[in-house]
N, C-alpha and C. Protein backbone atom coordinates (compact mmCIF):
# COMPACT_ATOMS: atom_id res chain seq x y z
N UNK A 1 31.79 -31.00 4.88
CA UNK A 1 31.89 -30.47 6.24
C UNK A 1 32.67 -29.15 6.25
N UNK A 2 33.76 -29.12 5.51
CA UNK A 2 34.58 -27.91 5.45
C UNK A 2 33.81 -26.76 4.81
N UNK A 3 32.98 -27.08 3.82
CA UNK A 3 32.20 -26.04 3.15
C UNK A 3 31.20 -25.41 4.12
N UNK A 4 30.59 -26.24 4.96
CA UNK A 4 29.65 -25.73 5.95
C UNK A 4 30.37 -24.81 6.93
N UNK A 5 31.55 -25.21 7.37
CA UNK A 5 32.34 -24.39 8.28
C UNK A 5 32.69 -23.05 7.64
N UNK A 6 33.06 -23.09 6.35
CA UNK A 6 33.38 -21.86 5.62
C UNK A 6 32.16 -20.95 5.50
N UNK A 7 31.00 -21.55 5.21
CA UNK A 7 29.77 -20.75 5.09
C UNK A 7 29.40 -20.12 6.43
N UNK A 8 29.56 -20.87 7.51
CA UNK A 8 29.25 -20.32 8.84
C UNK A 8 30.20 -19.18 9.20
N UNK A 9 31.47 -19.35 8.88
CA UNK A 9 32.46 -18.30 9.14
C UNK A 9 32.15 -17.05 8.32
N UNK A 10 31.75 -17.24 7.08
CA UNK A 10 31.40 -16.11 6.22
C UNK A 10 30.15 -15.41 6.74
N UNK A 11 29.16 -16.18 7.19
CA UNK A 11 27.94 -15.58 7.73
C UNK A 11 28.26 -14.78 8.99
N UNK A 12 29.15 -15.30 9.85
CA UNK A 12 29.51 -14.58 11.06
C UNK A 12 30.21 -13.27 10.69
N UNK A 13 31.10 -13.35 9.74
CA UNK A 13 31.83 -12.16 9.27
C UNK A 13 30.84 -11.11 8.73
N UNK A 14 29.87 -11.56 7.95
CA UNK A 14 28.86 -10.64 7.41
C UNK A 14 27.98 -10.07 8.52
N UNK A 15 27.65 -10.89 9.51
CA UNK A 15 26.85 -10.42 10.64
C UNK A 15 27.58 -9.37 11.45
N UNK A 16 28.86 -9.61 11.70
CA UNK A 16 29.63 -8.65 12.46
C UNK A 16 29.75 -7.33 11.70
N UNK A 17 29.97 -7.42 10.39
CA UNK A 17 30.06 -6.20 9.57
C UNK A 17 28.74 -5.43 9.58
N UNK A 18 27.62 -6.15 9.48
CA UNK A 18 26.31 -5.51 9.50
C UNK A 18 26.04 -4.86 10.86
N UNK A 19 26.42 -5.55 11.94
CA UNK A 19 26.23 -4.99 13.28
C UNK A 19 27.12 -3.76 13.48
N UNK A 20 28.32 -3.79 12.97
CA UNK A 20 29.23 -2.64 13.07
C UNK A 20 28.62 -1.43 12.35
N UNK A 21 28.08 -1.67 11.17
CA UNK A 21 27.44 -0.60 10.39
C UNK A 21 26.23 -0.04 11.14
N UNK A 22 25.41 -0.95 11.67
CA UNK A 22 24.22 -0.55 12.43
C UNK A 22 24.62 0.27 13.66
N UNK A 23 25.64 -0.19 14.38
CA UNK A 23 26.12 0.49 15.60
C UNK A 23 26.63 1.89 15.28
N UNK A 24 27.36 2.03 14.18
CA UNK A 24 27.89 3.34 13.79
C UNK A 24 26.76 4.31 13.46
N UNK A 25 25.72 3.81 12.84
CA UNK A 25 24.60 4.67 12.44
C UNK A 25 23.64 4.95 13.59
N UNK A 26 23.31 3.92 14.38
CA UNK A 26 22.27 4.04 15.40
C UNK A 26 22.79 4.33 16.80
N UNK A 27 24.06 4.03 17.06
CA UNK A 27 24.64 4.31 18.37
C UNK A 27 24.40 3.22 19.40
N UNK A 28 23.86 2.09 18.99
CA UNK A 28 23.62 0.97 19.91
C UNK A 28 23.62 -0.34 19.12
N UNK A 29 23.61 -1.44 19.84
CA UNK A 29 23.64 -2.78 19.22
C UNK A 29 22.36 -3.54 19.48
N UNK A 30 21.23 -2.86 19.42
CA UNK A 30 19.95 -3.48 19.75
C UNK A 30 18.95 -3.37 18.59
N UNK A 31 19.25 -4.00 17.45
CA UNK A 31 18.25 -3.96 16.38
C UNK A 31 17.03 -4.77 16.79
N UNK A 32 15.89 -4.45 16.22
CA UNK A 32 14.70 -5.25 16.51
C UNK A 32 14.93 -6.68 16.03
N UNK A 33 14.20 -7.60 16.56
CA UNK A 33 14.37 -9.03 16.22
C UNK A 33 14.24 -9.27 14.72
N UNK A 34 13.47 -8.45 14.03
CA UNK A 34 13.20 -8.65 12.61
C UNK A 34 13.93 -7.65 11.71
N UNK A 35 14.89 -6.92 12.28
CA UNK A 35 15.61 -5.91 11.49
C UNK A 35 16.47 -6.57 10.42
N UNK A 36 16.43 -6.00 9.23
CA UNK A 36 17.26 -6.44 8.12
C UNK A 36 18.18 -5.29 7.74
N UNK A 37 19.46 -5.55 7.69
CA UNK A 37 20.47 -4.55 7.34
C UNK A 37 20.96 -4.91 5.93
N UNK A 38 20.57 -4.12 4.94
CA UNK A 38 20.84 -4.50 3.56
C UNK A 38 20.02 -5.73 3.25
N UNK A 39 20.67 -6.84 2.97
CA UNK A 39 19.97 -8.10 2.75
C UNK A 39 20.24 -9.09 3.88
N UNK A 40 20.88 -8.61 4.96
CA UNK A 40 21.27 -9.48 6.06
C UNK A 40 20.26 -9.39 7.20
N UNK A 41 19.80 -10.53 7.71
CA UNK A 41 18.82 -10.57 8.80
C UNK A 41 19.55 -10.34 10.13
N UNK A 42 19.86 -9.08 10.36
CA UNK A 42 20.69 -8.70 11.51
C UNK A 42 20.01 -8.98 12.85
N UNK A 43 18.74 -8.68 12.98
CA UNK A 43 18.05 -8.89 14.25
C UNK A 43 18.11 -10.33 14.72
N UNK A 44 17.87 -11.25 13.81
CA UNK A 44 17.93 -12.68 14.16
C UNK A 44 19.36 -13.09 14.50
N UNK A 45 20.33 -12.56 13.76
CA UNK A 45 21.73 -12.89 14.00
C UNK A 45 22.17 -12.41 15.39
N UNK A 46 21.78 -11.19 15.76
CA UNK A 46 22.13 -10.65 17.07
C UNK A 46 21.49 -11.49 18.18
N UNK A 47 20.24 -11.86 18.00
CA UNK A 47 19.57 -12.71 18.99
C UNK A 47 20.31 -14.03 19.18
N UNK A 48 20.76 -14.61 18.08
CA UNK A 48 21.51 -15.86 18.14
C UNK A 48 22.83 -15.68 18.87
N UNK A 49 23.53 -14.59 18.61
CA UNK A 49 24.82 -14.35 19.28
C UNK A 49 24.62 -14.19 20.78
N UNK A 50 23.55 -13.51 21.18
CA UNK A 50 23.27 -13.36 22.61
C UNK A 50 22.94 -14.71 23.24
N UNK A 51 22.16 -15.50 22.54
CA UNK A 51 21.78 -16.82 23.05
C UNK A 51 23.00 -17.73 23.20
N UNK A 52 23.91 -17.65 22.24
CA UNK A 52 25.10 -18.50 22.24
C UNK A 52 26.31 -17.87 22.93
N UNK A 53 26.09 -16.78 23.63
CA UNK A 53 27.19 -16.01 24.23
C UNK A 53 28.23 -16.89 24.93
N UNK A 54 27.80 -17.83 25.74
CA UNK A 54 28.74 -18.66 26.50
C UNK A 54 29.40 -19.74 25.66
N UNK A 55 28.94 -19.92 24.43
CA UNK A 55 29.52 -20.93 23.55
C UNK A 55 30.38 -20.33 22.44
N UNK A 56 30.41 -19.01 22.34
CA UNK A 56 31.21 -18.35 21.30
C UNK A 56 32.69 -18.50 21.61
N UNK A 57 33.50 -18.46 20.56
CA UNK A 57 34.94 -18.47 20.76
C UNK A 57 35.33 -17.19 21.50
N UNK A 58 36.44 -17.22 22.18
CA UNK A 58 36.90 -16.05 22.94
C UNK A 58 37.09 -14.85 22.03
N UNK A 59 37.58 -15.09 20.83
CA UNK A 59 37.81 -14.00 19.87
C UNK A 59 36.49 -13.36 19.43
N UNK A 60 35.52 -14.17 19.09
CA UNK A 60 34.22 -13.62 18.67
C UNK A 60 33.55 -12.88 19.83
N UNK A 61 33.59 -13.47 21.00
CA UNK A 61 32.99 -12.83 22.17
C UNK A 61 33.67 -11.49 22.46
N UNK A 62 35.00 -11.46 22.36
CA UNK A 62 35.75 -10.22 22.59
C UNK A 62 35.35 -9.15 21.57
N UNK A 63 35.25 -9.53 20.31
CA UNK A 63 34.89 -8.57 19.26
C UNK A 63 33.48 -8.01 19.47
N UNK A 64 32.55 -8.87 19.82
CA UNK A 64 31.18 -8.41 20.06
C UNK A 64 31.09 -7.55 21.32
N UNK A 65 31.84 -7.93 22.34
CA UNK A 65 31.85 -7.15 23.58
C UNK A 65 32.45 -5.77 23.33
N UNK A 66 33.51 -5.72 22.56
CA UNK A 66 34.15 -4.44 22.24
C UNK A 66 33.19 -3.53 21.47
N UNK A 67 32.35 -4.12 20.65
CA UNK A 67 31.36 -3.35 19.90
C UNK A 67 30.21 -2.88 20.80
N UNK A 68 30.03 -3.57 21.94
CA UNK A 68 28.99 -3.16 22.88
C UNK A 68 27.79 -4.09 22.96
N UNK A 69 27.89 -5.25 22.34
CA UNK A 69 26.74 -6.16 22.35
C UNK A 69 26.48 -6.75 23.73
N UNK A 70 27.52 -7.04 24.49
CA UNK A 70 27.36 -7.66 25.80
C UNK A 70 27.67 -6.68 26.92
N UNK A 71 27.13 -5.48 26.85
CA UNK A 71 27.37 -4.48 27.88
C UNK A 71 26.85 -4.92 29.23
N UNK A 72 27.35 -4.31 30.29
CA UNK A 72 26.94 -4.68 31.64
C UNK A 72 25.58 -4.10 32.00
N UNK A 73 25.17 -3.04 31.32
CA UNK A 73 23.86 -2.45 31.61
C UNK A 73 22.81 -2.98 30.67
N UNK A 74 21.57 -2.58 30.91
CA UNK A 74 20.48 -2.96 30.02
C UNK A 74 20.36 -1.91 28.94
N UNK A 75 19.99 -2.33 27.75
CA UNK A 75 19.76 -1.40 26.66
C UNK A 75 18.26 -1.12 26.61
N UNK A 76 17.91 0.13 26.78
CA UNK A 76 16.51 0.51 26.75
C UNK A 76 16.35 1.63 25.74
N UNK A 77 15.63 1.36 24.66
CA UNK A 77 15.40 2.33 23.60
C UNK A 77 16.70 2.96 23.12
N UNK A 78 17.73 2.14 22.98
CA UNK A 78 18.98 2.62 22.41
C UNK A 78 19.93 3.29 23.38
N UNK A 79 19.56 3.37 24.66
CA UNK A 79 20.43 4.00 25.65
C UNK A 79 20.88 2.95 26.65
N UNK A 80 22.15 2.99 27.01
CA UNK A 80 22.64 2.04 27.99
C UNK A 80 22.37 2.60 29.39
N UNK A 81 21.77 1.78 30.23
CA UNK A 81 21.44 2.17 31.59
C UNK A 81 22.14 1.23 32.53
N UNK A 82 22.78 1.75 33.54
CA UNK A 82 23.49 0.87 34.47
C UNK A 82 22.47 0.04 35.25
N UNK A 83 22.84 -1.15 35.67
CA UNK A 83 21.92 -2.03 36.40
C UNK A 83 21.44 -1.45 37.72
N UNK A 84 22.14 -0.46 38.27
CA UNK A 84 21.76 0.12 39.57
C UNK A 84 20.81 1.29 39.42
N UNK A 85 20.50 1.73 38.19
CA UNK A 85 19.61 2.88 37.99
C UNK A 85 18.19 2.55 38.36
């Protein structure tokens, strides 16, 4: 059980690092669903984080929000648009 928890924590750490790298290069946190960053399936990981948003720990949610994953506007083709536009 502990090994599974360690593997999940390591995968989350790798996902966050891959998303940080992607964000620095692309300027947004919206990889395609099938995007692979290095050998990491980033698109699927991002989709999972969005789906589990309300179940994430406060720390993980804060880190992803700070990176821009849970912005208040919609992401359209890499640009953030306010909901009132």
